[in-house]
Structure formats: structure tokens, C-alpha cells
Amino acid sequence: MLDLVQIIAGLALLYYGGNFLVTGSVRLARILKISPFAIGATVIAFGTSAPELAVALLASLEGNPELAMGNVIGSNIANIGLVLGLTALLTPLSIGPDRLRRESAPLLFASLLIVVIAWNLEINRAEGSFMVCLLGLYIWRSFSHKEDIVEEMEDEAPLFAGKDLYFQILLIIVGLGLLVGGAEFLVAGGVGIARNLGISEWFIGITIVAIGTSLPEIVSSMIAAKRGHGEMAIGNIFGSNIFNILMVLGLTTTIHPLHINEPIQPDLLITFAITGLLLGMIRYGNHSLGKLTGAILILVYCVYIGLKGTGSL
């Protein structure tokens, strides 16, 4: 009974948290006169990457570098394959060609950077500090493009309309808190029910827990897309993947260097490959993601999970 209550509470928190987050973010973009993509790639991305940062820091300090690295790599693959795939199935996502050209470079660079830096199964403090510096440069770059100034459409949620900048920031913080709390409740309830049914711990880990850590991105992206802010949904995933690499791994390794004992090279290559696949599908799909491309991304993610589960990868 308690597990069911946790699931219901988690769903409610996710719903309201996602609405608060998207509402505050859209209005913040309007107040600051910047694009919703920039807000999605920075403010929302930072918030939805915060759980990964906490997990990676704790895992590293407890002597489990594989979990810290796996958390980042797994999250980045899930963000593209699962989150964008599900969101594109719900509603088509589009991004302007100029913005795609400009924003593809940081995502590709970060995805390639982690392959190069982590290929020898070590990330030291100097490399971590370098990634943190790059993060600062990325944030500055995201807010400094004057061509991003646009007149935004009115959001569909009239709640708290007309409030000032600080209120919208508070709304974003509350929304993020509800999203994270909702994800934790949902995962706890799902894991409890799965264990009662005798489902294996491994299967629980790669399904309920893995999807649970991506729930903030899933919910915020879906709500943004449904309200007509497709670029904010895409920006959330672009930014989340960049933050996962530059912020999560950067700060983690600055505090405690990682020495990995597992052969993670194939996963590093897959992270870069699925990033290239995404950008290619957007570019050659008339700068949009539709139901077909969404289904392909989900299929790729399922194949990856299947290969990992069978030990073939």
C-alpha cells in the first residue's frame, strides 16, 4: 500500500513540478529577452543535472568511480534515446537551422572531449578543472548571443502571471524541487512493488532506477513541447548532456580524481555516436524530430540496454 501511495504522490509532484518549471522558465526567458533554448540549455539543464551531480560526487568519495562515470554516460544516452525519443513521439520538435549550427558544436565537442579524456580510464584534477572552466565559457556563451532575443508567445498557464523576475526564479526552484522529489517517490514505489513481485535487482536497476533518474528531463521536456516550446525541450537535452560532462564530471574529478577499473571505452564511443545520430537526424529531417525519428531513438536506446544486459557490450 505504501508503495502505491509513493507512486501516486510521485506522479502528482512530477506533474506540478514540470508545470511550475516550464512556466517559470518561459517567463524568465521573456523577462531576460533571450531564447527559450538558452533557458532550457542552462537553467533547466542545470537543475535536471543536479541529481546526477549528487550521485557522482557521493559515488566518487565512496570509492565507486564506475558508478560515477556510468551515471553520466548512462544519463547522456538516456537523455537522447529515451527522453527526446518519447518527447518526439508525443509532439514534433523543431529547431531553427542557425541555432542548430551554433549549438551543435558545444554538444559535439563535449561528447568528444569525454571520449578523449576518459579513454585511459582516468580523469585527474587538472582535467576536471579544465572541464569546469569550459562550463563557465558555455554558460557565458549561451547568454551572450544577441540574436537570441525574440518575442516569445504567451505561455498557456495563467498561474502567477505578471509576477517579477525573482518570483519566476522561485517558481523554477520550486518546480525543480518537486520534479526531483517526485522522481524519488516514483522510483522508491516502483522498486518496492518490483521487489515484492520477485523481479531481479539488475532488471530493476536498468529499468525503474534508470528511467527514474531521467524523469525530470522527461517531464520538463514533454510539458515544454506540449506548450509549443520545442526548442526549450531540445535545449534541455543539449544542455543536460553538456552539464553532465562539464559540470558533473568536472566538479567530481576536481574534488576526487577518478580511476576506473571497468572497460568503458565502448560506452564512450556509443555516447558520441548517439549524439552524432541525433544531430544528423535533426539536420536531415528538416531541422525537426518527428514520430519516426522519436521511435528510432527509443529503439536505439532499447538495443543499447539489451546489449548491456546480455553482456554483449
C-alpha atoms as a PDB file:
ATOM      1  CA  MET A   1       0.000   0.000   0.000  1.00  0.00           C
ATOM      2  CA  LEU A   2       2.809   2.394   0.884  1.00  0.00           C
ATOM      3  CA  ASP A   3       4.495   1.719  -2.468  1.00  0.00           C
ATOM      4  CA  LEU A   4       1.300   2.632  -4.331  1.00  0.00           C
ATOM      5  CA  VAL A   5       0.939   5.841  -2.313  1.00  0.00           C
ATOM      6  CA  GLN A   6       4.542   6.760  -3.188  1.00  0.00           C
ATOM      7  CA  ILE A   7       3.854   6.234  -6.888  1.00  0.00           C
ATOM      8  CA  ILE A   8       0.706   8.378  -6.813  1.00  0.00           C
ATOM      9  CA  ALA A   9       2.491  11.103  -4.828  1.00  0.00           C
ATOM     10  CA  GLY A  10       5.448  10.945  -7.209  1.00  0.00           C
ATOM     11  CA  LEU A  11       3.243  11.371 -10.275  1.00  0.00           C
ATOM     12  CA  ALA A  12       1.499  14.369  -8.694  1.00  0.00           C
ATOM     13  CA  LEU A  13       4.793  16.029  -7.771  1.00  0.00           C
ATOM     14  CA  LEU A  14       6.181  15.409 -11.270  1.00  0.00           C
ATOM     15  CA  TYR A  15       3.110  16.952 -12.885  1.00  0.00           C
ATOM     16  CA  TYR A  16       3.072  20.124 -10.815  1.00  0.00           C
ATOM     17  CA  GLY A  17       6.863  20.393 -10.727  1.00  0.00           C
ATOM     18  CA  GLY A  18       7.075  20.190 -14.508  1.00  0.00           C
ATOM     19  CA  ASN A  19       4.368  22.802 -14.943  1.00  0.00           C
ATOM     20  CA  PHE A  20       5.980  25.206 -12.470  1.00  0.00           C
ATOM     21  CA  LEU A  21       9.416  24.718 -14.035  1.00  0.00           C
ATOM     22  CA  VAL A  22       8.295  25.295 -17.616  1.00  0.00           C
ATOM     23  CA  THR A  23       6.019  28.206 -16.690  1.00  0.00           C
ATOM     24  CA  GLY A  24       8.773  29.984 -14.738  1.00  0.00           C
ATOM     25  CA  SER A  25      11.360  29.241 -17.433  1.00  0.00           C
ATOM     26  CA  VAL A  26       9.248  30.602 -20.293  1.00  0.00           C
ATOM     27  CA  ARG A  27       8.532  33.795 -18.371  1.00  0.00           C
ATOM     28  CA  LEU A  28      12.174  34.130 -17.327  1.00  0.00           C
ATOM     29  CA  ALA A  29      13.180  33.908 -20.989  1.00  0.00           C
ATOM     30  CA  ARG A  30      10.681  36.654 -21.814  1.00  0.00           C
ATOM     31  CA  ILE A  31      11.851  38.911 -18.976  1.00  0.00           C
ATOM     32  CA  LEU A  32      15.547  38.470 -19.877  1.00  0.00           C
ATOM     33  CA  LYS A  33      14.716  38.700 -23.616  1.00  0.00           C
ATOM     34  CA  ILE A  34      16.605  35.545 -24.537  1.00  0.00           C
ATOM     35  CA  SER A  35      15.515  32.398 -26.343  1.00  0.00           C
ATOM     36  CA  PRO A  36      13.745  29.517 -24.595  1.00  0.00           C
ATOM     37  CA  PHE A  37      16.539  27.312 -25.984  1.00  0.00           C
ATOM     38  CA  ALA A  38      19.098  29.226 -23.890  1.00  0.00           C
ATOM     39  CA  ILE A  39      16.957  28.820 -20.761  1.00  0.00           C
ATOM     40  CA  GLY A  40      16.478  25.122 -21.480  1.00  0.00           C
ATOM     41  CA  ALA A  41      20.198  24.631 -22.110  1.00  0.00           C
ATOM     42  CA  THR A  42      21.292  26.415 -18.934  1.00  0.00           C
ATOM     43  CA  VAL A  43      18.714  26.962 -16.171  1.00  0.00           C
ATOM     44  CA  ILE A  44      16.644  23.807 -16.737  1.00  0.00           C
ATOM     45  CA  ALA A  45      19.690  21.730 -17.705  1.00  0.00           C
ATOM     46  CA  PHE A  46      21.496  22.725 -14.518  1.00  0.00           C
ATOM     47  CA  GLY A  47      18.527  21.795 -12.356  1.00  0.00           C
ATOM     48  CA  THR A  48      17.844  18.460 -14.007  1.00  0.00           C
ATOM     49  CA  SER A  49      21.561  17.573 -13.841  1.00  0.00           C
ATOM     50  CA  ALA A  50      21.771  18.283 -10.107  1.00  0.00           C
ATOM     51  CA  PRO A  51      20.731  14.717  -9.100  1.00  0.00           C
ATOM     52  CA  GLU A  52      23.479  13.277 -11.324  1.00  0.00           C
ATOM     53  CA  LEU A  53      25.993  15.605  -9.646  1.00  0.00           C
ATOM     54  CA  ALA A  54      24.962  14.411  -6.177  1.00  0.00           C
ATOM     55  CA  VAL A  55      25.166  10.739  -7.213  1.00  0.00           C
ATOM     56  CA  ALA A  56      28.550  11.153  -8.921  1.00  0.00           C
ATOM     57  CA  LEU A  57      30.105  13.058  -6.020  1.00  0.00           C
ATOM     58  CA  LEU A  58      28.894  10.538  -3.449  1.00  0.00           C
ATOM     59  CA  ALA A  59      29.978   7.564  -5.580  1.00  0.00           C
ATOM     60  CA  SER A  60      33.426   9.030  -6.167  1.00  0.00           C
ATOM     61  CA  LEU A  61      34.014   9.853  -2.500  1.00  0.00           C
ATOM     62  CA  GLU A  62      32.870   6.352  -1.505  1.00  0.00           C
ATOM     63  CA  GLY A  63      35.390   4.775  -3.862  1.00  0.00           C
ATOM     64  CA  ASN A  64      32.998   3.745  -6.635  1.00  0.00           C
ATOM     65  CA  PRO A  65      34.286   5.604  -9.722  1.00  0.00           C
ATOM     66  CA  GLU A  66      32.499   3.217 -12.110  1.00  0.00           C
ATOM     67  CA  LEU A  67      29.136   4.323 -10.715  1.00  0.00           C
ATOM     68  CA  ALA A  68      30.110   7.997 -11.022  1.00  0.00           C
ATOM     69  CA  MET A  69      31.151   7.583 -14.664  1.00  0.00           C
ATOM     70  CA  GLY A  70      28.302   5.208 -15.501  1.00  0.00           C
ATOM     71  CA  ASN A  71      25.842   7.704 -14.063  1.00  0.00           C
ATOM     72  CA  VAL A  72      26.981  10.359 -16.539  1.00  0.00           C
ATOM     73  CA  ILE A  73      27.349   8.116 -19.581  1.00  0.00           C
ATOM     74  CA  GLY A  74      24.050   6.333 -18.917  1.00  0.00           C
ATOM     75  CA  SER A  75      22.214   9.608 -18.338  1.00  0.00           C
ATOM     76  CA  ASN A  76      23.506  11.137 -21.567  1.00  0.00           C
ATOM     77  CA  ILE A  77      22.481   8.109 -23.624  1.00  0.00           C
ATOM     78  CA  ALA A  78      19.060   8.039 -21.905  1.00  0.00           C
ATOM     79  CA  ASN A  79      18.570  11.775 -22.446  1.00  0.00           C
ATOM     80  CA  ILE A  80      18.887  11.348 -26.205  1.00  0.00           C
ATOM     81  CA  GLY A  81      17.434   7.896 -26.750  1.00  0.00           C
ATOM     82  CA  LEU A  82      14.700   7.863 -24.128  1.00  0.00           C
ATOM     83  CA  VAL A  83      13.835  11.478 -23.259  1.00  0.00           C
ATOM     84  CA  LEU A  84      13.972  13.040 -26.733  1.00  0.00           C
ATOM     85  CA  GLY A  85      12.560   9.863 -28.248  1.00  0.00           C
ATOM     86  CA  LEU A  86       9.485   9.916 -26.004  1.00  0.00           C
ATOM     87  CA  THR A  87       9.060  13.668 -26.379  1.00  0.00           C
ATOM     88  CA  ALA A  88       9.226  13.486 -30.191  1.00  0.00           C
ATOM     89  CA  LEU A  89       6.623  10.693 -30.137  1.00  0.00           C
ATOM     90  CA  LEU A  90       4.338  12.999 -28.170  1.00  0.00           C
ATOM     91  CA  THR A  91       4.740  16.060 -30.375  1.00  0.00           C
ATOM     92  CA  PRO A  92       7.123  17.100 -33.181  1.00  0.00           C
ATOM     93  CA  LEU A  93      10.153  19.129 -32.076  1.00  0.00           C
ATOM     94  CA  SER A  94      11.851  21.704 -34.260  1.00  0.00           C
ATOM     95  CA  ILE A  95      14.854  23.985 -34.013  1.00  0.00           C
ATOM     96  CA  GLY A  96      15.972  26.824 -36.276  1.00  0.00           C
ATOM     97  CA  PRO A  97      18.822  25.986 -38.687  1.00  0.00           C
ATOM     98  CA  ASP A  98      21.005  28.852 -37.434  1.00  0.00           C
ATOM     99  CA  ARG A  99      20.585  27.801 -33.805  1.00  0.00           C
ATOM    100  CA  LEU A 100      21.245  24.153 -34.677  1.00  0.00           C
ATOM    101  CA  ARG A 101      24.533  25.071 -36.368  1.00  0.00           C
ATOM    102  CA  ARG A 102      25.587  27.205 -33.421  1.00  0.00           C
ATOM    103  CA  GLU A 103      24.521  24.827 -30.633  1.00  0.00           C
ATOM    104  CA  SER A 104      25.677  21.569 -32.237  1.00  0.00           C
ATOM    105  CA  ALA A 105      29.339  22.473 -31.780  1.00  0.00           C
ATOM    106  CA  PRO A 106      29.376  22.596 -27.932  1.00  0.00           C
ATOM    107  CA  LEU A 107      27.429  19.332 -27.676  1.00  0.00           C
ATOM    108  CA  LEU A 108      29.678  17.510 -30.137  1.00  0.00           C
ATOM    109  CA  PHE A 109      32.794  18.954 -28.521  1.00  0.00           C
ATOM    110  CA  ALA A 110      31.743  17.896 -25.004  1.00  0.00           C
ATOM    111  CA  SER A 111      30.830  14.401 -26.241  1.00  0.00           C
ATOM    112  CA  LEU A 112      34.194  14.044 -27.971  1.00  0.00           C
ATOM    113  CA  LEU A 113      36.056  15.565 -25.023  1.00  0.00           C
ATOM    114  CA  ILE A 114      34.867  12.904 -22.593  1.00  0.00           C
ATOM    115  CA  VAL A 115      35.944  10.174 -25.040  1.00  0.00           C
ATOM    116  CA  VAL A 116      39.448  11.641 -25.269  1.00  0.00           C
ATOM    117  CA  ILE A 117      39.862  12.429 -21.565  1.00  0.00           C
ATOM    118  CA  ALA A 118      38.385   9.196 -20.164  1.00  0.00           C
ATOM    119  CA  TRP A 119      39.824   6.805 -22.767  1.00  0.00           C
ATOM    120  CA  ASN A 120      42.730   5.890 -20.468  1.00  0.00           C
ATOM    121  CA  LEU A 121      40.210   5.179 -17.657  1.00  0.00           C
ATOM    122  CA  GLU A 122      41.442   8.104 -15.565  1.00  0.00           C
ATOM    123  CA  ILE A 123      40.336  11.693 -15.080  1.00  0.00           C
ATOM    124  CA  ASN A 124      42.605  13.844 -12.922  1.00  0.00           C
ATOM    125  CA  ARG A 125      42.044  17.160 -11.144  1.00  0.00           C
ATOM    126  CA  ALA A 126      43.648  19.222 -13.910  1.00  0.00           C
ATOM    127  CA  GLU A 127      41.300  17.713 -16.481  1.00  0.00           C
ATOM    128  CA  GLY A 128      38.345  18.233 -14.157  1.00  0.00           C
ATOM    129  CA  SER A 129      39.285  21.878 -13.618  1.00  0.00           C
ATOM    130  CA  PHE A 130      39.590  22.327 -17.386  1.00  0.00           C
ATOM    131  CA  MET A 131      36.049  20.991 -17.850  1.00  0.00           C
ATOM    132  CA  VAL A 132      34.689  23.348 -15.187  1.00  0.00           C
ATOM    133  CA  CYS A 133      36.323  26.288 -16.984  1.00  0.00           C
ATOM    134  CA  LEU A 134      34.717  25.159 -20.227  1.00  0.00           C
ATOM    135  CA  LEU A 135      31.364  25.036 -18.426  1.00  0.00           C
ATOM    136  CA  GLY A 136      31.726  28.677 -17.430  1.00  0.00           C
ATOM    137  CA  LEU A 137      32.538  29.557 -21.034  1.00  0.00           C
ATOM    138  CA  TYR A 138      29.494  27.641 -22.252  1.00  0.00           C
ATOM    139  CA  ILE A 139      27.143  29.431 -19.846  1.00  0.00           C
ATOM    140  CA  TRP A 140      28.574  32.832 -20.815  1.00  0.00           C
ATOM    141  CA  ARG A 141      28.201  31.943 -24.498  1.00  0.00           C
ATOM    142  CA  SER A 142      24.575  30.853 -24.038  1.00  0.00           C
ATOM    143  CA  PHE A 143      23.521  34.191 -22.555  1.00  0.00           C
ATOM    144  CA  SER A 144      25.648  36.456 -24.719  1.00  0.00           C
ATOM    145  CA  HIS A 145      24.104  35.876 -28.154  1.00  0.00           C
ATOM    146  CA  LYS A 146      22.114  38.974 -29.002  1.00  0.00           C
ATOM    147  CA  GLU A 147      20.463  37.204 -31.942  1.00  0.00           C
ATOM    148  CA  ASP A 148      18.675  35.003 -29.410  1.00  0.00           C
ATOM    149  CA  ILE A 149      16.488  37.948 -28.380  1.00  0.00           C
ATOM    150  CA  VAL A 150      12.990  37.104 -29.545  1.00  0.00           C
ATOM    151  CA  GLU A 151       9.401  37.995 -28.751  1.00  0.00           C
ATOM    152  CA  GLU A 152       8.013  34.912 -27.049  1.00  0.00           C
ATOM    153  CA  MET A 153       4.492  33.538 -27.365  1.00  0.00           C
ATOM    154  CA  GLU A 154       2.342  33.683 -24.287  1.00  0.00           C
ATOM    155  CA  ASP A 155       2.518  30.535 -22.215  1.00  0.00           C
ATOM    156  CA  GLU A 156      -0.665  28.566 -21.673  1.00  0.00           C
ATOM    157  CA  ALA A 157      -0.535  28.607 -17.878  1.00  0.00           C
ATOM    158  CA  PRO A 158      -2.037  31.812 -16.420  1.00  0.00           C
ATOM    159  CA  LEU A 159      -0.903  30.849 -12.909  1.00  0.00           C
ATOM    160  CA  PHE A 160       1.016  33.652 -11.163  1.00  0.00           C
ATOM    161  CA  ALA A 161       1.028  35.728 -14.370  1.00  0.00           C
ATOM    162  CA  GLY A 162       2.570  39.188 -14.156  1.00  0.00           C
ATOM    163  CA  LYS A 163       4.976  38.369 -11.338  1.00  0.00           C
ATOM    164  CA  ASP A 164       8.519  39.738 -11.366  1.00  0.00           C
ATOM    165  CA  LEU A 165      11.907  38.181 -12.140  1.00  0.00           C
ATOM    166  CA  TYR A 166      12.562  36.927  -8.621  1.00  0.00           C
ATOM    167  CA  PHE A 167       9.186  35.232  -8.391  1.00  0.00           C
ATOM    168  CA  GLN A 168       9.804  33.369 -11.658  1.00  0.00           C
ATOM    169  CA  ILE A 169      13.194  32.216 -10.347  1.00  0.00           C
ATOM    170  CA  LEU A 170      11.466  30.998  -7.165  1.00  0.00           C
ATOM    171  CA  LEU A 171       8.884  29.204  -9.326  1.00  0.00           C
ATOM    172  CA  ILE A 172      11.695  27.466 -11.224  1.00  0.00           C
ATOM    173  CA  ILE A 173      13.412  26.390  -7.990  1.00  0.00           C
ATOM    174  CA  VAL A 174      10.147  25.035  -6.549  1.00  0.00           C
ATOM    175  CA  GLY A 175       9.437  23.235  -9.824  1.00  0.00           C
ATOM    176  CA  LEU A 176      12.854  21.599  -9.832  1.00  0.00           C
ATOM    177  CA  GLY A 177      12.454  20.532  -6.219  1.00  0.00           C
ATOM    178  CA  LEU A 178       9.066  18.961  -6.935  1.00  0.00           C
ATOM    179  CA  LEU A 179      10.469  17.176 -10.001  1.00  0.00           C
ATOM    180  CA  VAL A 180      13.374  15.649  -8.095  1.00  0.00           C
ATOM    181  CA  GLY A 181      11.171  14.709  -5.147  1.00  0.00           C
ATOM    182  CA  GLY A 182       8.553  13.215  -7.438  1.00  0.00           C
ATOM    183  CA  ALA A 183      11.156  11.129  -9.250  1.00  0.00           C
ATOM    184  CA  GLU A 184      12.481   9.795  -5.933  1.00  0.00           C
ATOM    185  CA  PHE A 185       8.990   8.870  -4.716  1.00  0.00           C
ATOM    186  CA  LEU A 186       8.154   7.174  -8.014  1.00  0.00           C
ATOM    187  CA  VAL A 187      11.390   5.189  -8.072  1.00  0.00           C
ATOM    188  CA  ALA A 188      11.001   4.128  -4.423  1.00  0.00           C
ATOM    189  CA  GLY A 189       7.439   2.966  -5.000  1.00  0.00           C
ATOM    190  CA  GLY A 190       8.279   1.185  -8.256  1.00  0.00           C
ATOM    191  CA  VAL A 191      11.287  -0.581  -6.753  1.00  0.00           C
ATOM    192  CA  GLY A 192       9.217  -1.692  -3.751  1.00  0.00           C
ATOM    193  CA  ILE A 193       6.485  -3.188  -5.932  1.00  0.00           C
ATOM    194  CA  ALA A 194       9.031  -4.832  -8.263  1.00  0.00           C
ATOM    195  CA  ARG A 195      10.826  -6.475  -5.335  1.00  0.00           C
ATOM    196  CA  ASN A 196       7.562  -7.744  -3.921  1.00  0.00           C
ATOM    197  CA  LEU A 197       6.857  -9.342  -7.298  1.00  0.00           C
ATOM    198  CA  GLY A 198      10.262 -11.059  -7.251  1.00  0.00           C
ATOM    199  CA  ILE A 199      11.803  -9.071 -10.121  1.00  0.00           C
ATOM    200  CA  SER A 200      15.613  -9.177 -10.166  1.00  0.00           C
ATOM    201  CA  GLU A 201      17.684  -6.302  -8.789  1.00  0.00           C
ATOM    202  CA  TRP A 202      19.545  -5.987 -12.099  1.00  0.00           C
ATOM    203  CA  PHE A 203      16.333  -5.564 -14.087  1.00  0.00           C
ATOM    204  CA  ILE A 204      15.074  -3.045 -11.541  1.00  0.00           C
ATOM    205  CA  GLY A 205      18.318  -1.096 -11.915  1.00  0.00           C
ATOM    206  CA  ILE A 206      18.316  -0.817 -15.702  1.00  0.00           C
ATOM    207  CA  THR A 207      14.598  -0.047 -15.946  1.00  0.00           C
ATOM    208  CA  ILE A 208      12.924   1.627 -12.976  1.00  0.00           C
ATOM    209  CA  VAL A 209      16.004   3.315 -11.499  1.00  0.00           C
ATOM    210  CA  ALA A 210      17.498   4.286 -14.871  1.00  0.00           C
ATOM    211  CA  ILE A 211      14.244   5.784 -16.116  1.00  0.00           C
ATOM    212  CA  GLY A 212      13.636   7.400 -12.727  1.00  0.00           C
ATOM    213  CA  THR A 213      16.865   9.406 -12.920  1.00  0.00           C
ATOM    214  CA  SER A 214      15.712  10.724 -16.314  1.00  0.00           C
ATOM    215  CA  LEU A 215      12.187  11.614 -15.158  1.00  0.00           C
ATOM    216  CA  PRO A 216      12.949  15.328 -14.524  1.00  0.00           C
ATOM    217  CA  GLU A 217      14.211  15.667 -18.110  1.00  0.00           C
ATOM    218  CA  ILE A 218      11.314  13.593 -19.486  1.00  0.00           C
ATOM    219  CA  VAL A 219       8.580  15.554 -17.726  1.00  0.00           C
ATOM    220  CA  SER A 220      10.046  19.031 -18.297  1.00  0.00           C
ATOM    221  CA  SER A 221      10.738  18.286 -21.985  1.00  0.00           C
ATOM    222  CA  MET A 222       7.275  16.851 -22.611  1.00  0.00           C
ATOM    223  CA  ILE A 223       5.482  19.740 -20.932  1.00  0.00           C
ATOM    224  CA  ALA A 224       7.606  22.307 -22.776  1.00  0.00           C
ATOM    225  CA  ALA A 225       6.947  20.559 -26.097  1.00  0.00           C
ATOM    226  CA  LYS A 226       3.195  20.292 -25.491  1.00  0.00           C
ATOM    227  CA  ARG A 227       3.050  24.033 -24.838  1.00  0.00           C
ATOM    228  CA  GLY A 228       4.735  24.762 -28.135  1.00  0.00           C
ATOM    229  CA  HIS A 229       8.242  25.379 -26.776  1.00  0.00           C
ATOM    230  CA  GLY A 230      10.021  22.657 -28.734  1.00  0.00           C
ATOM    231  CA  GLU A 231      13.331  24.492 -28.727  1.00  0.00           C
ATOM    232  CA  MET A 232      13.259  24.596 -24.930  1.00  0.00           C
ATOM    233  CA  ALA A 233      12.813  20.805 -24.865  1.00  0.00           C
ATOM    234  CA  ILE A 234      15.732  20.291 -27.260  1.00  0.00           C
ATOM    235  CA  GLY A 235      17.809  22.855 -25.375  1.00  0.00           C
ATOM    236  CA  ASN A 236      17.141  20.972 -22.138  1.00  0.00           C
ATOM    237  CA  ILE A 237      18.718  17.805 -23.550  1.00  0.00           C
ATOM    238  CA  PHE A 238      21.614  19.594 -25.270  1.00  0.00           C
ATOM    239  CA  GLY A 239      22.379  21.464 -22.069  1.00  0.00           C
ATOM    240  CA  SER A 240      21.828  18.488 -19.748  1.00  0.00           C
ATOM    241  CA  ASN A 241      24.349  16.384 -21.656  1.00  0.00           C
ATOM    242  CA  ILE A 242      26.877  19.209 -21.661  1.00  0.00           C
ATOM    243  CA  PHE A 243      26.313  19.876 -17.939  1.00  0.00           C
ATOM    244  CA  ASN A 244      26.625  16.158 -17.152  1.00  0.00           C
ATOM    245  CA  ILE A 245      30.074  16.100 -18.725  1.00  0.00           C
ATOM    246  CA  LEU A 246      31.477  19.519 -17.858  1.00  0.00           C
ATOM    247  CA  MET A 247      29.764  20.137 -14.509  1.00  0.00           C
ATOM    248  CA  VAL A 248      29.111  16.674 -13.045  1.00  0.00           C
ATOM    249  CA  LEU A 249      32.375  15.031 -14.125  1.00  0.00           C
ATOM    250  CA  GLY A 250      34.325  18.285 -13.938  1.00  0.00           C
ATOM    251  CA  LEU A 251      33.395  19.087 -10.337  1.00  0.00           C
ATOM    252  CA  THR A 252      33.551  15.442  -9.261  1.00  0.00           C
ATOM    253  CA  THR A 253      37.072  14.906 -10.573  1.00  0.00           C
ATOM    254  CA  THR A 254      38.257  18.281  -9.302  1.00  0.00           C
ATOM    255  CA  ILE A 255      37.298  17.127  -5.808  1.00  0.00           C
ATOM    256  CA  HIS A 256      38.295  13.475  -6.210  1.00  0.00           C
ATOM    257  CA  PRO A 257      40.071  12.098  -9.329  1.00  0.00           C
ATOM    258  CA  LEU A 258      38.503   9.058 -10.988  1.00  0.00           C
ATOM    259  CA  HIS A 259      40.419   5.827 -11.604  1.00  0.00           C
ATOM    260  CA  ILE A 260      38.096   3.435 -13.424  1.00  0.00           C
ATOM    261  CA  ASN A 261      38.590  -0.332 -13.433  1.00  0.00           C
ATOM    262  CA  GLU A 262      35.948  -1.283 -15.999  1.00  0.00           C
ATOM    263  CA  PRO A 263      36.437  -1.173 -19.814  1.00  0.00           C
ATOM    264  CA  ILE A 264      34.132   1.755 -20.551  1.00  0.00           C
ATOM    265  CA  GLN A 265      35.554   2.625 -23.992  1.00  0.00           C
ATOM    266  CA  PRO A 266      32.610   1.086 -25.927  1.00  0.00           C
ATOM    267  CA  ASP A 267      30.138   3.145 -23.875  1.00  0.00           C
ATOM    268  CA  LEU A 268      32.146   6.305 -24.507  1.00  0.00           C
ATOM    269  CA  LEU A 269      32.011   5.672 -28.244  1.00  0.00           C
ATOM    270  CA  ILE A 270      28.278   4.969 -28.113  1.00  0.00           C
ATOM    271  CA  THR A 271      27.709   8.248 -26.276  1.00  0.00           C
ATOM    272  CA  PHE A 272      29.467  10.128 -29.070  1.00  0.00           C
ATOM    273  CA  ALA A 273      27.759   8.046 -31.773  1.00  0.00           C
ATOM    274  CA  ILE A 274      24.213   8.598 -30.491  1.00  0.00           C
ATOM    275  CA  THR A 275      24.953  12.326 -30.230  1.00  0.00           C
ATOM    276  CA  GLY A 276      26.034  12.337 -33.876  1.00  0.00           C
ATOM    277  CA  LEU A 277      22.942  10.318 -34.806  1.00  0.00           C
ATOM    278  CA  LEU A 278      20.673  12.839 -33.114  1.00  0.00           C
ATOM    279  CA  LEU A 279      22.269  15.848 -34.795  1.00  0.00           C
ATOM    280  CA  GLY A 280      22.212  14.093 -38.160  1.00  0.00           C
ATOM    281  CA  MET A 281      18.523  13.219 -37.865  1.00  0.00           C
ATOM    282  CA  ILE A 282      17.648  16.801 -36.906  1.00  0.00           C
ATOM    283  CA  ARG A 283      19.700  18.284 -39.735  1.00  0.00           C
ATOM    284  CA  TYR A 284      18.431  15.963 -42.455  1.00  0.00           C
ATOM    285  CA  GLY A 285      14.919  15.837 -41.038  1.00  0.00           C
ATOM    286  CA  ASN A 286      14.122  19.450 -41.951  1.00  0.00           C
ATOM    287  CA  HIS A 287      15.509  20.600 -38.590  1.00  0.00           C
ATOM    288  CA  SER A 288      12.901  18.698 -36.629  1.00  0.00           C
ATOM    289  CA  LEU A 289      12.254  15.444 -34.805  1.00  0.00           C
ATOM    290  CA  GLY A 290       9.003  13.633 -35.566  1.00  0.00           C
ATOM    291  CA  LYS A 291       7.350  10.408 -34.508  1.00  0.00           C
ATOM    292  CA  LEU A 292       9.538   8.247 -36.771  1.00  0.00           C
ATOM    293  CA  THR A 293      12.814   9.701 -35.511  1.00  0.00           C
ATOM    294  CA  GLY A 294      11.489   9.508 -31.958  1.00  0.00           C
ATOM    295  CA  ALA A 295      10.762   5.809 -32.436  1.00  0.00           C
ATOM    296  CA  ILE A 296      14.262   5.272 -33.871  1.00  0.00           C
ATOM    297  CA  LEU A 297      15.881   6.948 -30.861  1.00  0.00           C
ATOM    298  CA  ILE A 298      13.871   4.786 -28.452  1.00  0.00           C
ATOM    299  CA  LEU A 299      14.790   1.669 -30.431  1.00  0.00           C
ATOM    300  CA  VAL A 300      18.487   2.575 -30.286  1.00  0.00           C
ATOM    301  CA  TYR A 301      18.225   3.053 -26.521  1.00  0.00           C
ATOM    302  CA  CYS A 302      16.455  -0.295 -26.064  1.00  0.00           C
ATOM    303  CA  VAL A 303      19.089  -2.071 -28.174  1.00  0.00           C
ATOM    304  CA  TYR A 304      21.834  -0.495 -26.045  1.00  0.00           C
ATOM    305  CA  ILE A 305      20.162  -1.611 -22.808  1.00  0.00           C
ATOM    306  CA  GLY A 306      19.631  -5.093 -24.259  1.00  0.00           C
ATOM    307  CA  LEU A 307      23.279  -5.427 -25.272  1.00  0.00           C
ATOM    308  CA  LYS A 308      24.441  -4.243 -21.858  1.00  0.00           C
ATOM    309  CA  GLY A 309      22.080  -6.663 -20.173  1.00  0.00           C
ATOM    310  CA  THR A 310      23.286  -9.673 -22.113  1.00  0.00           C
ATOM    311  CA  GLY A 311      26.927  -8.753 -21.632  1.00  0.00           C
ATOM    312  CA  SER A 312      27.423  -8.324 -25.379  1.00  0.00           C
ATOM    313  CA  LEU A 313      28.693  -4.772 -24.861  1.00  0.00           C
END
